[in-house]
Amino acid sequence: MVSYHIAQKDEAHTIVETLIKSCVIDIVTCMLDDKSVKHLSIIHLSNNTVARRIEDLASNVSETVISRIKYIKFAQKMDVSTDIAGLAIGAIGVRSLRKHELF
């Protein structure tokens, strides 16, 4: 979840080690016991870990979109015309229907 929020805010990946992890540990120290703090301390949130998790999120989104597109019913509309200078102008519209919802 941390990697997801960092990617959304377009923050530097190093903010996890320098700020977020220490804040979370402080909060857990105040609210819970030392055992919980020890569990948090072993979580790896380095720059590489965050970058890898963001790549995993992006890959998952790509796979989901591609799998939905493969099995979707759609209608395509094309229109071609020319302007007064004789240049061709093309427009393509695509509508799709998935589980009784237009999107």
Protein backbone atom coordinates (compact mmCIF):
# COMPACT_ATOMS: atom_id res chain seq x y z
CA MET A 1 0.00 0.00 0.00
CA VAL A 2 2.86 2.37 0.74
CA SER A 3 4.36 1.87 -2.72
CA TYR A 4 0.97 2.55 -4.30
CA HIS A 5 0.59 5.87 -2.49
CA ILE A 6 4.16 6.90 -3.32
CA ALA A 7 3.52 6.19 -7.00
CA GLN A 8 0.28 8.20 -6.92
CA LYS A 9 1.98 11.22 -5.35
CA ASP A 10 5.02 10.91 -7.65
CA GLU A 11 7.36 11.10 -4.65
CA ALA A 12 10.96 9.91 -4.50
CA HIS A 13 11.19 6.26 -3.50
CA THR A 14 13.72 7.05 -0.78
CA ILE A 15 11.04 8.88 1.22
CA VAL A 16 9.96 5.49 2.58
CA GLU A 17 13.20 4.83 4.42
CA THR A 18 13.80 8.40 5.52
CA LEU A 19 10.32 9.43 6.61
CA ILE A 20 7.41 7.03 6.27
CA LYS A 21 8.87 3.94 7.95
CA SER A 22 10.11 5.92 10.95
CA CYS A 23 6.70 7.62 11.32
CA VAL A 24 4.88 4.29 11.20
CA ILE A 25 7.23 2.82 13.81
CA ASP A 26 6.63 5.83 16.08
CA ILE A 27 2.85 5.45 15.73
CA VAL A 28 2.97 1.72 16.44
CA THR A 29 5.24 2.32 19.44
CA CYS A 30 2.66 4.68 20.94
CA MET A 31 -0.36 2.53 20.19
CA LEU A 32 0.83 -1.09 20.40
CA ASP A 33 3.53 -3.21 22.02
CA ASP A 34 7.24 -3.77 21.31
CA LYS A 35 6.52 -7.05 19.52
CA SER A 36 4.56 -5.16 16.86
CA VAL A 37 7.42 -2.69 16.45
CA LYS A 38 9.85 -5.57 15.89
CA HIS A 39 7.58 -6.95 13.16
CA LEU A 40 7.58 -3.56 11.43
CA SER A 41 11.35 -3.25 11.69
CA ILE A 42 11.91 -6.31 9.50
CA ILE A 43 9.77 -4.96 6.64
CA HIS A 44 12.02 -3.97 3.75
CA LEU A 45 11.05 -0.68 2.17
CA SER A 46 14.21 0.25 0.33
CA ASN A 47 14.31 2.21 -2.91
CA ASN A 48 14.63 -1.02 -4.93
CA THR A 49 11.76 -2.68 -3.08
CA VAL A 50 9.44 0.25 -3.70
CA ALA A 51 10.45 0.47 -7.37
CA ARG A 52 9.86 -3.27 -7.83
CA ARG A 53 6.44 -3.08 -6.19
CA ILE A 54 5.45 -0.13 -8.37
CA GLU A 55 6.53 -2.13 -11.43
CA ASP A 56 4.42 -5.06 -10.19
CA LEU A 57 1.41 -2.75 -9.80
CA ALA A 58 1.88 -1.40 -13.34
CA SER A 59 2.25 -4.91 -14.74
CA ASN A 60 -0.91 -6.03 -12.98
CA VAL A 61 -2.86 -3.07 -14.39
CA SER A 62 -1.58 -3.82 -17.91
CA GLU A 63 -2.52 -7.50 -17.66
CA THR A 64 -5.99 -6.64 -16.34
CA VAL A 65 -6.68 -4.13 -19.10
CA ILE A 66 -5.42 -6.48 -21.83
CA SER A 67 -7.49 -9.41 -20.52
CA ARG A 68 -10.61 -7.23 -20.42
CA ILE A 69 -10.04 -5.91 -23.93
CA LYS A 70 -9.63 -9.43 -25.33
CA TYR A 71 -13.14 -10.47 -24.32
CA ILE A 72 -15.06 -7.23 -24.66
CA LYS A 73 -17.80 -6.51 -27.17
CA PHE A 74 -17.38 -3.18 -28.90
CA ALA A 75 -18.73 -1.06 -31.73
CA GLN A 76 -16.50 1.03 -33.91
CA LYS A 77 -17.52 4.11 -35.89
CA MET A 78 -15.32 5.82 -38.47
CA ASP A 79 -15.81 9.05 -40.36
CA VAL A 80 -13.53 10.53 -42.99
CA SER A 81 -13.93 13.93 -44.58
CA THR A 82 -11.81 16.70 -46.06
CA ASP A 83 -11.44 20.30 -45.01
CA ILE A 84 -11.49 23.32 -47.32
CA ALA A 85 -7.77 22.92 -48.03
CA GLY A 86 -8.33 19.35 -49.22
CA LEU A 87 -6.68 17.69 -46.20
CA ALA A 88 -8.20 14.44 -45.02
CA ILE A 89 -9.61 14.38 -41.50
CA GLY A 90 -10.42 11.08 -39.85
CA ALA A 91 -12.37 10.40 -36.68
CA ILE A 92 -12.74 7.07 -34.95
CA GLY A 93 -15.15 6.36 -32.12
CA VAL A 94 -15.26 3.19 -30.05
CA ARG A 95 -18.01 2.14 -27.66
CA SER A 96 -17.78 -0.87 -25.44
CA LEU A 97 -20.18 -2.80 -23.28
CA ARG A 98 -19.05 -4.85 -20.31
CA LYS A 99 -21.44 -6.50 -17.90
CA HIS A 100 -24.30 -4.22 -18.91
CA GLU A 101 -22.27 -1.06 -18.26
CA LEU A 102 -20.97 1.39 -20.80
CA PHE A 103 -17.48 2.68 -20.10
